[in-house]
């Protein structure tokens, strides 16, 4: 390893803005998918071993905004389809709730995490 992982206390101080750590926290592993590197996958995994992750990621089945899962089409953030479906719209221009009058329907049909 090139360096040890940051301690829990160092990470807590960084997150809470109460101080600094001995170096910048490393959070690469979540964003880099070794399988995508095909024939260089082994090299990526070696880098992961040399540079430890400073946070533990806990994954959960988060709903998409407009589209539910195949096995549960209603497991989504809002209870209506994408109003821009089929259009070329910038990601930041897509708004889940375009009018506050939609909120009651969204809350009444909110995705059940169970």
C-alpha atoms as a PDB file:
ATOM      1  CA  UNK A   1       0.000   0.000   0.000  1.00  0.00           C
ATOM      2  CA  UNK A   2       1.197   3.496  -0.839  1.00  0.00           C
ATOM      3  CA  UNK A   3      -0.396   4.852   2.349  1.00  0.00           C
ATOM      4  CA  UNK A   4      -2.757   3.680   5.083  1.00  0.00           C
ATOM      5  CA  UNK A   5      -6.466   4.406   4.924  1.00  0.00           C
ATOM      6  CA  UNK A   6      -7.574   7.484   6.838  1.00  0.00           C
ATOM      7  CA  UNK A   7      -8.913   6.824  10.296  1.00  0.00           C
ATOM      8  CA  UNK A   8     -12.570   7.161  11.171  1.00  0.00           C
ATOM      9  CA  UNK A   9     -11.754  10.271  13.226  1.00  0.00           C
ATOM     10  CA  UNK A  10      -9.898  11.920  10.315  1.00  0.00           C
ATOM     11  CA  UNK A  11     -12.814  11.248   7.974  1.00  0.00           C
ATOM     12  CA  UNK A  12     -15.320  12.548  10.512  1.00  0.00           C
ATOM     13  CA  UNK A  13     -13.345  15.797  10.884  1.00  0.00           C
ATOM     14  CA  UNK A  14     -13.196  16.276   7.101  1.00  0.00           C
ATOM     15  CA  UNK A  15     -16.913  15.591   6.620  1.00  0.00           C
ATOM     16  CA  UNK A  16     -17.946  17.830   9.510  1.00  0.00           C
ATOM     17  CA  UNK A  17     -15.537  20.610   8.482  1.00  0.00           C
ATOM     18  CA  UNK A  18     -13.733  20.474  11.828  1.00  0.00           C
ATOM     19  CA  UNK A  19     -10.233  20.005  10.512  1.00  0.00           C
ATOM     20  CA  UNK A  20      -8.178  18.335   7.897  1.00  0.00           C
ATOM     21  CA  UNK A  21      -6.710  14.910   7.331  1.00  0.00           C
ATOM     22  CA  UNK A  22      -3.123  14.040   6.504  1.00  0.00           C
ATOM     23  CA  UNK A  23      -4.159  13.909   2.815  1.00  0.00           C
ATOM     24  CA  UNK A  24      -7.214  14.266   0.590  1.00  0.00           C
ATOM     25  CA  UNK A  25      -9.668  11.383   1.143  1.00  0.00           C
ATOM     26  CA  UNK A  26      -9.728   8.822  -1.671  1.00  0.00           C
ATOM     27  CA  UNK A  27     -13.153   7.832  -2.982  1.00  0.00           C
ATOM     28  CA  UNK A  28     -12.256   6.330  -6.364  1.00  0.00           C
ATOM     29  CA  UNK A  29     -13.443   2.757  -6.026  1.00  0.00           C
ATOM     30  CA  UNK A  30     -17.114   3.665  -6.283  1.00  0.00           C
ATOM     31  CA  UNK A  31     -16.626   5.444  -9.608  1.00  0.00           C
ATOM     32  CA  UNK A  32     -14.194   3.073 -11.309  1.00  0.00           C
ATOM     33  CA  UNK A  33     -15.511  -0.241 -12.599  1.00  0.00           C
ATOM     34  CA  UNK A  34     -12.608  -2.656 -13.209  1.00  0.00           C
ATOM     35  CA  UNK A  35     -14.634  -4.804 -15.626  1.00  0.00           C
ATOM     36  CA  UNK A  36     -14.894  -1.811 -17.985  1.00  0.00           C
ATOM     37  CA  UNK A  37     -11.115  -1.953 -18.493  1.00  0.00           C
ATOM     38  CA  UNK A  38     -11.340  -5.460 -19.956  1.00  0.00           C
ATOM     39  CA  UNK A  39      -7.738  -6.623 -20.552  1.00  0.00           C
ATOM     40  CA  UNK A  40      -6.385  -4.076 -18.031  1.00  0.00           C
ATOM     41  CA  UNK A  41      -8.734  -5.136 -15.220  1.00  0.00           C
ATOM     42  CA  UNK A  42      -5.866  -6.712 -13.239  1.00  0.00           C
ATOM     43  CA  UNK A  43      -3.933  -3.418 -13.332  1.00  0.00           C
ATOM     44  CA  UNK A  44      -6.959  -1.504 -12.023  1.00  0.00           C
ATOM     45  CA  UNK A  45      -7.384  -3.984  -9.173  1.00  0.00           C
ATOM     46  CA  UNK A  46      -3.687  -3.585  -8.320  1.00  0.00           C
ATOM     47  CA  UNK A  47      -4.187   0.177  -8.092  1.00  0.00           C
ATOM     48  CA  UNK A  48      -7.170  -0.366  -5.795  1.00  0.00           C
ATOM     49  CA  UNK A  49      -4.946  -2.454  -3.522  1.00  0.00           C
ATOM     50  CA  UNK A  50      -2.211   0.208  -3.501  1.00  0.00           C
ATOM     51  CA  UNK A  51      -4.575   3.113  -2.802  1.00  0.00           C
ATOM     52  CA  UNK A  52      -7.153   2.185  -0.184  1.00  0.00           C
ATOM     53  CA  UNK A  53     -10.651   3.653  -0.172  1.00  0.00           C
ATOM     54  CA  UNK A  54     -11.303   5.988   2.745  1.00  0.00           C
ATOM     55  CA  UNK A  55     -15.060   5.452   2.936  1.00  0.00           C
ATOM     56  CA  UNK A  56     -17.294   2.421   2.994  1.00  0.00           C
ATOM     57  CA  UNK A  57     -20.063   2.402   0.400  1.00  0.00           C
ATOM     58  CA  UNK A  58     -23.403   0.911   1.269  1.00  0.00           C
ATOM     59  CA  UNK A  59     -25.519   0.264  -1.819  1.00  0.00           C
ATOM     60  CA  UNK A  60     -29.272   0.203  -1.878  1.00  0.00           C
ATOM     61  CA  UNK A  61     -31.861  -0.209  -4.590  1.00  0.00           C
ATOM     62  CA  UNK A  62     -32.613   3.438  -5.291  1.00  0.00           C
ATOM     63  CA  UNK A  63     -35.586   4.176  -7.532  1.00  0.00           C
ATOM     64  CA  UNK A  64     -35.223   6.000 -10.840  1.00  0.00           C
ATOM     65  CA  UNK A  65     -37.134   9.235 -11.226  1.00  0.00           C
ATOM     66  CA  UNK A  66     -39.744   8.233 -13.820  1.00  0.00           C
ATOM     67  CA  UNK A  67     -39.070   4.566 -14.625  1.00  0.00           C
ATOM     68  CA  UNK A  68     -39.783   1.692 -12.266  1.00  0.00           C
ATOM     69  CA  UNK A  69     -38.046  -1.657 -12.210  1.00  0.00           C
ATOM     70  CA  UNK A  70     -39.167  -4.387 -14.575  1.00  0.00           C
ATOM     71  CA  UNK A  71     -40.494  -6.449 -11.661  1.00  0.00           C
ATOM     72  CA  UNK A  72     -42.087  -3.410  -9.956  1.00  0.00           C
ATOM     73  CA  UNK A  73     -43.003  -0.604 -12.390  1.00  0.00           C
ATOM     74  CA  UNK A  74     -44.286   1.610  -9.564  1.00  0.00           C
ATOM     75  CA  UNK A  75     -40.944   1.603  -7.691  1.00  0.00           C
ATOM     76  CA  UNK A  76     -39.956   5.096  -8.826  1.00  0.00           C
ATOM     77  CA  UNK A  77     -39.730   8.564  -7.317  1.00  0.00           C
ATOM     78  CA  UNK A  78     -42.769  10.064  -9.053  1.00  0.00           C
ATOM     79  CA  UNK A  79     -46.096   8.521 -10.040  1.00  0.00           C
ATOM     80  CA  UNK A  80     -46.142   9.711 -13.653  1.00  0.00           C
ATOM     81  CA  UNK A  81     -44.114   9.163 -16.806  1.00  0.00           C
ATOM     82  CA  UNK A  82     -41.281  11.355 -18.049  1.00  0.00           C
ATOM     83  CA  UNK A  83     -42.881  14.388 -19.719  1.00  0.00           C
ATOM     84  CA  UNK A  84     -39.766  14.715 -21.936  1.00  0.00           C
ATOM     85  CA  UNK A  85     -39.631  11.062 -23.023  1.00  0.00           C
ATOM     86  CA  UNK A  86     -38.232  10.765 -26.538  1.00  0.00           C
ATOM     87  CA  UNK A  87     -36.948  14.339 -26.533  1.00  0.00           C
ATOM     88  CA  UNK A  88     -33.327  15.456 -26.352  1.00  0.00           C
ATOM     89  CA  UNK A  89     -33.353  17.369 -23.075  1.00  0.00           C
ATOM     90  CA  UNK A  90     -30.352  18.196 -20.919  1.00  0.00           C
ATOM     91  CA  UNK A  91     -30.139  16.166 -17.716  1.00  0.00           C
ATOM     92  CA  UNK A  92     -30.387  19.277 -15.540  1.00  0.00           C
ATOM     93  CA  UNK A  93     -33.437  20.475 -17.492  1.00  0.00           C
ATOM     94  CA  UNK A  94     -35.448  17.386 -16.503  1.00  0.00           C
ATOM     95  CA  UNK A  95     -37.621  18.313 -13.559  1.00  0.00           C
ATOM     96  CA  UNK A  96     -39.396  15.613 -11.569  1.00  0.00           C
ATOM     97  CA  UNK A  97     -42.135  17.905 -10.265  1.00  0.00           C
ATOM     98  CA  UNK A  98     -42.906  20.791 -12.601  1.00  0.00           C
ATOM     99  CA  UNK A  99     -45.746  22.111 -10.448  1.00  0.00           C
ATOM    100  CA  UNK A 100     -46.330  21.827  -6.693  1.00  0.00           C
ATOM    101  CA  UNK A 101     -49.843  20.538  -7.348  1.00  0.00           C
ATOM    102  CA  UNK A 102     -48.188  17.214  -8.318  1.00  0.00           C
ATOM    103  CA  UNK A 103     -46.662  16.733  -4.869  1.00  0.00           C
ATOM    104  CA  UNK A 104     -49.692  15.162  -3.152  1.00  0.00           C
ATOM    105  CA  UNK A 105     -49.900  12.455  -5.831  1.00  0.00           C
ATOM    106  CA  UNK A 106     -46.166  11.778  -5.573  1.00  0.00           C
ATOM    107  CA  UNK A 107     -46.298  11.442  -1.780  1.00  0.00           C
ATOM    108  CA  UNK A 108     -49.390   9.223  -1.894  1.00  0.00           C
ATOM    109  CA  UNK A 109     -47.600   6.829  -4.268  1.00  0.00           C
ATOM    110  CA  UNK A 110     -44.085   7.143  -2.835  1.00  0.00           C
ATOM    111  CA  UNK A 111     -41.801   4.153  -3.444  1.00  0.00           C
ATOM    112  CA  UNK A 112     -41.843   1.558  -0.660  1.00  0.00           C
ATOM    113  CA  UNK A 113     -38.249   0.546   0.162  1.00  0.00           C
ATOM    114  CA  UNK A 114     -39.466  -2.850   1.395  1.00  0.00           C
END
